[in-house]
Amino acid sequence: MNYEFTLCAGRHETPVKDTIFPEGIDPMDFQSLIETANNNIPNNAKYLKVYVTGLTPAMLAVVTVCNFRGITLVAMHYNKDNGEYCKQTVLQFEPCPFCHNGVPEGATACPTCGAT
């Protein structure tokens, strides 16, 4: 399934209302950030578009979770010069035809089931 989220609530206006991180997070509690990201990214996510609103530790927690779970991750960055969002593909996974988990682009075998 494809999902779109704003990274952090209450920081900037984005075209998406759903957020991964609520207001009042501790940006230096890295483990808590990973747990929050893991809990708020749906279990069936295969493609995630995130409107980045700052807080690098929060975005890196999302990268960590997506990498671990085989989720393709696209970051949307606000371009103040033209008022539009610019797409950056961060992680690219293809679904394994056997187990349907994410396989990193260019991999020779599925890291989950070993299919080649």
N, C-alpha and C. Protein backbone atom coordinates (compact mmCIF):
# COMPACT_ATOMS: atom_id res chain seq x y z
N MET A 1 0.83 -1.18 0.00
CA MET A 1 0.00 0.00 0.00
C MET A 1 0.88 1.25 0.00
N ASN A 2 0.37 2.30 -0.61
CA ASN A 2 1.05 3.58 -0.67
C ASN A 2 0.48 4.52 0.38
N TYR A 3 1.36 5.25 1.06
CA TYR A 3 0.95 6.19 2.10
C TYR A 3 1.70 7.50 1.95
N GLU A 4 1.06 8.58 2.42
CA GLU A 4 1.66 9.91 2.48
C GLU A 4 1.50 10.44 3.90
N PHE A 5 2.58 11.00 4.43
CA PHE A 5 2.57 11.58 5.77
C PHE A 5 3.37 12.86 5.77
N THR A 6 3.02 13.75 6.70
CA THR A 6 3.89 14.85 7.08
C THR A 6 4.80 14.29 8.16
N LEU A 7 6.05 14.69 8.16
CA LEU A 7 6.99 14.14 9.13
C LEU A 7 6.59 14.48 10.57
N CYS A 8 6.46 15.78 10.87
CA CYS A 8 6.19 16.21 12.25
C CYS A 8 4.99 17.15 12.29
N ALA A 9 4.13 16.95 13.25
CA ALA A 9 2.94 17.79 13.42
C ALA A 9 3.33 19.19 13.88
N GLY A 10 2.60 20.18 13.38
CA GLY A 10 2.70 21.54 13.88
C GLY A 10 3.92 22.33 13.49
N ARG A 11 4.69 21.88 12.52
CA ARG A 11 5.91 22.60 12.16
C ARG A 11 5.73 23.45 10.90
N HIS A 12 5.12 22.89 9.86
CA HIS A 12 4.93 23.62 8.60
C HIS A 12 3.65 23.12 7.95
N GLU A 13 3.08 23.94 7.09
CA GLU A 13 1.91 23.53 6.30
C GLU A 13 2.37 22.58 5.19
N THR A 14 1.63 21.50 5.03
CA THR A 14 1.89 20.56 3.94
C THR A 14 0.54 20.15 3.37
N PRO A 15 0.53 19.51 2.21
CA PRO A 15 -0.74 19.06 1.63
C PRO A 15 -1.32 17.82 2.30
N VAL A 16 -0.63 17.29 3.32
CA VAL A 16 -1.06 16.05 3.98
C VAL A 16 -1.28 16.33 5.47
N LYS A 17 -2.38 15.82 6.00
CA LYS A 17 -2.69 16.05 7.42
C LYS A 17 -2.14 14.97 8.34
N ASP A 18 -2.04 13.72 7.88
CA ASP A 18 -1.54 12.63 8.72
C ASP A 18 -0.05 12.83 8.98
N THR A 19 0.38 12.61 10.24
CA THR A 19 1.78 12.80 10.59
C THR A 19 2.36 11.53 11.22
N ILE A 20 3.65 11.39 11.09
CA ILE A 20 4.35 10.28 11.73
C ILE A 20 4.67 10.64 13.17
N PHE A 21 5.10 11.87 13.40
CA PHE A 21 5.50 12.29 14.75
C PHE A 21 4.55 13.37 15.27
N PRO A 22 4.00 13.15 16.45
CA PRO A 22 3.16 14.16 17.08
C PRO A 22 4.01 15.32 17.60
N GLU A 23 3.36 16.38 18.02
CA GLU A 23 4.09 17.49 18.63
C GLU A 23 4.68 17.04 19.96
N GLY A 24 5.75 17.69 20.36
CA GLY A 24 6.32 17.43 21.67
C GLY A 24 7.26 16.24 21.75
N ILE A 25 7.90 15.86 20.66
CA ILE A 25 8.85 14.75 20.70
C ILE A 25 10.22 15.25 21.16
N ASP A 26 11.03 14.35 21.67
CA ASP A 26 12.40 14.67 22.06
C ASP A 26 13.32 14.26 20.90
N PRO A 27 13.86 15.24 20.15
CA PRO A 27 14.67 14.89 18.98
C PRO A 27 15.99 14.20 19.32
N MET A 28 16.37 14.18 20.58
CA MET A 28 17.62 13.51 20.97
C MET A 28 17.39 12.11 21.54
N ASP A 29 16.14 11.69 21.63
CA ASP A 29 15.82 10.33 22.09
C ASP A 29 15.65 9.45 20.85
N PHE A 30 16.76 9.01 20.30
CA PHE A 30 16.76 8.34 19.02
C PHE A 30 15.96 7.04 19.03
N GLN A 31 16.06 6.27 20.08
CA GLN A 31 15.32 5.01 20.17
C GLN A 31 13.82 5.26 20.18
N SER A 32 13.39 6.27 20.91
CA SER A 32 11.97 6.61 20.96
C SER A 32 11.47 7.07 19.58
N LEU A 33 12.31 7.80 18.86
CA LEU A 33 11.94 8.24 17.51
C LEU A 33 11.73 7.04 16.59
N ILE A 34 12.62 6.06 16.67
CA ILE A 34 12.48 4.86 15.84
C ILE A 34 11.21 4.10 16.23
N GLU A 35 10.95 3.97 17.51
CA GLU A 35 9.74 3.27 17.96
C GLU A 35 8.48 3.98 17.50
N THR A 36 8.46 5.32 17.62
CA THR A 36 7.30 6.09 17.18
C THR A 36 7.09 5.94 15.68
N ALA A 37 8.17 6.05 14.91
CA ALA A 37 8.06 5.89 13.45
C ALA A 37 7.55 4.50 13.12
N ASN A 38 8.09 3.48 13.75
CA ASN A 38 7.66 2.10 13.48
C ASN A 38 6.19 1.90 13.83
N ASN A 39 5.74 2.50 14.92
CA ASN A 39 4.35 2.36 15.33
C ASN A 39 3.38 3.14 14.44
N ASN A 40 3.84 4.24 13.84
CA ASN A 40 2.94 5.09 13.07
C ASN A 40 2.99 4.87 11.56
N ILE A 41 3.94 4.09 11.10
CA ILE A 41 3.97 3.71 9.68
C ILE A 41 3.19 2.41 9.57
N PRO A 42 2.13 2.38 8.76
CA PRO A 42 1.29 1.18 8.69
C PRO A 42 2.08 -0.09 8.34
N ASN A 43 1.66 -1.19 8.92
CA ASN A 43 2.34 -2.47 8.71
C ASN A 43 2.34 -2.92 7.26
N ASN A 44 1.32 -2.51 6.49
CA ASN A 44 1.23 -2.95 5.10
C ASN A 44 1.86 -1.95 4.12
N ALA A 45 2.59 -0.95 4.63
CA ALA A 45 3.21 0.05 3.77
C ALA A 45 4.28 -0.58 2.89
N LYS A 46 4.24 -0.26 1.61
CA LYS A 46 5.28 -0.67 0.67
C LYS A 46 5.95 0.55 0.03
N TYR A 47 5.23 1.70 0.07
CA TYR A 47 5.71 2.95 -0.52
C TYR A 47 5.27 4.07 0.42
N LEU A 48 6.23 4.91 0.83
CA LEU A 48 5.94 5.98 1.77
C LEU A 48 6.48 7.29 1.23
N LYS A 49 5.59 8.27 1.12
CA LYS A 49 5.97 9.62 0.73
C LYS A 49 5.87 10.48 1.99
N VAL A 50 6.97 11.15 2.36
CA VAL A 50 7.02 11.95 3.58
C VAL A 50 7.34 13.39 3.23
N TYR A 51 6.47 14.31 3.65
CA TYR A 51 6.71 15.73 3.50
C TYR A 51 7.59 16.16 4.67
N VAL A 52 8.83 16.46 4.37
CA VAL A 52 9.85 16.73 5.38
C VAL A 52 9.60 18.13 5.96
N THR A 53 9.59 18.19 7.29
CA THR A 53 9.33 19.46 7.98
C THR A 53 10.44 19.80 8.96
N GLY A 54 11.63 19.33 8.69
CA GLY A 54 12.75 19.57 9.59
C GLY A 54 12.94 18.41 10.53
N LEU A 55 13.73 18.62 11.56
CA LEU A 55 14.08 17.60 12.56
C LEU A 55 14.75 16.38 11.91
N THR A 56 15.99 16.54 11.56
CA THR A 56 16.77 15.48 10.93
C THR A 56 16.71 14.16 11.71
N PRO A 57 16.82 14.16 13.05
CA PRO A 57 16.75 12.88 13.76
C PRO A 57 15.42 12.14 13.52
N ALA A 58 14.33 12.87 13.37
CA ALA A 58 13.04 12.24 13.10
C ALA A 58 13.05 11.62 11.70
N MET A 59 13.58 12.33 10.71
CA MET A 59 13.63 11.79 9.35
C MET A 59 14.54 10.58 9.29
N LEU A 60 15.65 10.60 10.02
CA LEU A 60 16.55 9.45 10.02
C LEU A 60 15.90 8.24 10.68
N ALA A 61 15.04 8.47 11.65
CA ALA A 61 14.29 7.36 12.25
C ALA A 61 13.37 6.73 11.21
N VAL A 62 12.73 7.55 10.38
CA VAL A 62 11.87 7.03 9.31
C VAL A 62 12.71 6.24 8.31
N VAL A 63 13.88 6.76 7.95
CA VAL A 63 14.78 6.04 7.03
C VAL A 63 15.15 4.68 7.63
N THR A 64 15.47 4.65 8.90
CA THR A 64 15.85 3.40 9.58
C THR A 64 14.71 2.39 9.50
N VAL A 65 13.50 2.82 9.81
CA VAL A 65 12.34 1.92 9.80
C VAL A 65 12.07 1.43 8.39
N CYS A 66 12.07 2.34 7.42
CA CYS A 66 11.79 1.94 6.03
C CYS A 66 12.84 0.99 5.50
N ASN A 67 14.10 1.23 5.82
CA ASN A 67 15.16 0.34 5.38
C ASN A 67 14.98 -1.05 5.99
N PHE A 68 14.68 -1.12 7.26
CA PHE A 68 14.50 -2.40 7.95
C PHE A 68 13.29 -3.16 7.41
N ARG A 69 12.22 -2.43 7.10
CA ARG A 69 10.97 -3.08 6.66
C ARG A 69 10.83 -3.19 5.14
N GLY A 70 11.81 -2.72 4.38
CA GLY A 70 11.76 -2.83 2.92
C GLY A 70 10.72 -1.94 2.28
N ILE A 71 10.57 -0.72 2.80
CA ILE A 71 9.59 0.24 2.29
C ILE A 71 10.31 1.26 1.42
N THR A 72 9.82 1.45 0.20
CA THR A 72 10.34 2.51 -0.65
C THR A 72 10.00 3.84 0.00
N LEU A 73 10.99 4.73 0.12
CA LEU A 73 10.81 6.01 0.80
C LEU A 73 11.14 7.17 -0.13
N VAL A 74 10.18 8.09 -0.23
CA VAL A 74 10.36 9.31 -1.00
C VAL A 74 10.18 10.49 -0.06
N ALA A 75 11.16 11.39 -0.04
CA ALA A 75 11.08 12.61 0.76
C ALA A 75 10.64 13.75 -0.15
N MET A 76 9.69 14.53 0.35
CA MET A 76 9.22 15.70 -0.38
C MET A 76 9.74 16.94 0.35
N HIS A 77 10.55 17.73 -0.36
CA HIS A 77 11.18 18.92 0.23
C HIS A 77 10.55 20.18 -0.34
N TYR A 78 10.26 21.14 0.53
CA TYR A 78 9.65 22.39 0.10
C TYR A 78 10.69 23.29 -0.55
N ASN A 79 10.38 23.77 -1.75
CA ASN A 79 11.25 24.69 -2.47
C ASN A 79 10.68 26.09 -2.28
N LYS A 80 11.33 26.90 -1.44
CA LYS A 80 10.80 28.23 -1.14
C LYS A 80 10.86 29.16 -2.34
N ASP A 81 11.70 28.86 -3.34
CA ASP A 81 11.80 29.72 -4.52
C ASP A 81 10.57 29.64 -5.41
N ASN A 82 9.96 28.44 -5.51
CA ASN A 82 8.79 28.32 -6.40
C ASN A 82 7.53 27.88 -5.65
N GLY A 83 7.63 27.63 -4.34
CA GLY A 83 6.47 27.27 -3.55
C GLY A 83 5.94 25.86 -3.80
N GLU A 84 6.76 25.02 -4.41
CA GLU A 84 6.34 23.64 -4.70
C GLU A 84 7.24 22.66 -3.95
N TYR A 85 6.77 21.41 -3.89
CA TYR A 85 7.56 20.35 -3.26
C TYR A 85 8.37 19.61 -4.31
N CYS A 86 9.59 19.26 -3.95
CA CYS A 86 10.52 18.55 -4.82
C CYS A 86 10.73 17.14 -4.27
N LYS A 87 10.67 16.15 -5.14
CA LYS A 87 10.75 14.74 -4.77
C LYS A 87 12.20 14.26 -4.74
N GLN A 88 12.55 13.54 -3.65
CA GLN A 88 13.86 12.89 -3.53
C GLN A 88 13.63 11.43 -3.13
N THR A 89 13.98 10.50 -4.01
CA THR A 89 13.89 9.09 -3.66
C THR A 89 15.04 8.75 -2.73
N VAL A 90 14.71 8.27 -1.52
CA VAL A 90 15.70 7.97 -0.50
C VAL A 90 16.04 6.48 -0.51
N LEU A 91 15.03 5.64 -0.53
CA LEU A 91 15.19 4.19 -0.58
C LEU A 91 14.28 3.63 -1.66
N GLN A 92 14.79 2.71 -2.46
CA GLN A 92 13.99 2.11 -3.53
C GLN A 92 14.00 0.60 -3.37
N PHE A 93 12.83 0.02 -3.16
CA PHE A 93 12.68 -1.42 -3.03
C PHE A 93 11.69 -1.92 -4.07
N GLU A 94 11.92 -3.11 -4.55
CA GLU A 94 10.99 -3.79 -5.44
C GLU A 94 10.40 -4.97 -4.68
N PRO A 95 9.13 -5.29 -4.87
CA PRO A 95 8.55 -6.43 -4.15
C PRO A 95 9.09 -7.76 -4.68
N CYS A 96 9.43 -8.65 -3.76
CA CYS A 96 9.86 -9.99 -4.12
C CYS A 96 8.64 -10.72 -4.70
N PRO A 97 8.78 -11.41 -5.85
CA PRO A 97 7.63 -12.10 -6.43
C PRO A 97 7.18 -13.31 -5.61
N PHE A 98 7.98 -13.74 -4.64
CA PHE A 98 7.64 -14.92 -3.85
C PHE A 98 7.07 -14.55 -2.48
N CYS A 99 7.79 -13.72 -1.71
CA CYS A 99 7.32 -13.39 -0.35
C CYS A 99 6.70 -12.00 -0.27
N HIS A 100 6.86 -11.19 -1.32
CA HIS A 100 6.28 -9.85 -1.45
C HIS A 100 6.91 -8.82 -0.51
N ASN A 101 8.00 -9.15 0.16
CA ASN A 101 8.72 -8.17 0.95
C ASN A 101 9.64 -7.37 0.04
N GLY A 102 10.13 -6.23 0.53
CA GLY A 102 10.95 -5.36 -0.28
C GLY A 102 12.35 -5.90 -0.51
N VAL A 103 12.81 -5.78 -1.76
CA VAL A 103 14.16 -6.17 -2.14
C VAL A 103 14.87 -4.89 -2.60
N PRO A 104 16.03 -4.56 -2.00
CA PRO A 104 16.74 -3.35 -2.41
C PRO A 104 17.06 -3.38 -3.90
N GLU A 105 16.95 -2.22 -4.52
CA GLU A 105 17.26 -2.10 -5.94
C GLU A 105 18.69 -2.57 -6.18
N GLY A 106 18.89 -3.44 -7.15
CA GLY A 106 20.20 -3.96 -7.50
C GLY A 106 20.62 -5.20 -6.73
N ALA A 107 19.81 -5.63 -5.75
CA ALA A 107 20.15 -6.84 -4.98
C ALA A 107 20.02 -8.07 -5.87
N THR A 108 20.83 -9.08 -5.60
CA THR A 108 20.77 -10.31 -6.40
C THR A 108 19.87 -11.36 -5.77
N ALA A 109 19.45 -11.16 -4.51
CA ALA A 109 18.56 -12.12 -3.84
C ALA A 109 17.69 -11.38 -2.83
N CYS A 110 16.53 -11.89 -2.55
CA CYS A 110 15.63 -11.33 -1.55
C CYS A 110 16.24 -11.55 -0.16
N PRO A 111 16.38 -10.49 0.64
CA PRO A 111 16.95 -10.67 1.97
C PRO A 111 16.03 -11.42 2.94
N THR A 112 14.75 -11.56 2.60
CA THR A 112 13.81 -12.25 3.48
C THR A 112 13.75 -13.74 3.19
N CYS A 113 13.49 -14.09 1.91
CA CYS A 113 13.29 -15.51 1.59
C CYS A 113 14.44 -16.12 0.81
N GLY A 114 15.37 -15.30 0.31
CA GLY A 114 16.54 -15.80 -0.40
C GLY A 114 16.31 -16.07 -1.88
N ALA A 115 15.11 -15.80 -2.38
CA ALA A 115 14.81 -16.05 -3.79
C ALA A 115 15.73 -15.21 -4.68
N THR A 116 16.11 -15.79 -5.82
CA THR A 116 16.96 -15.07 -6.76
C THR A 116 16.23 -14.85 -8.07
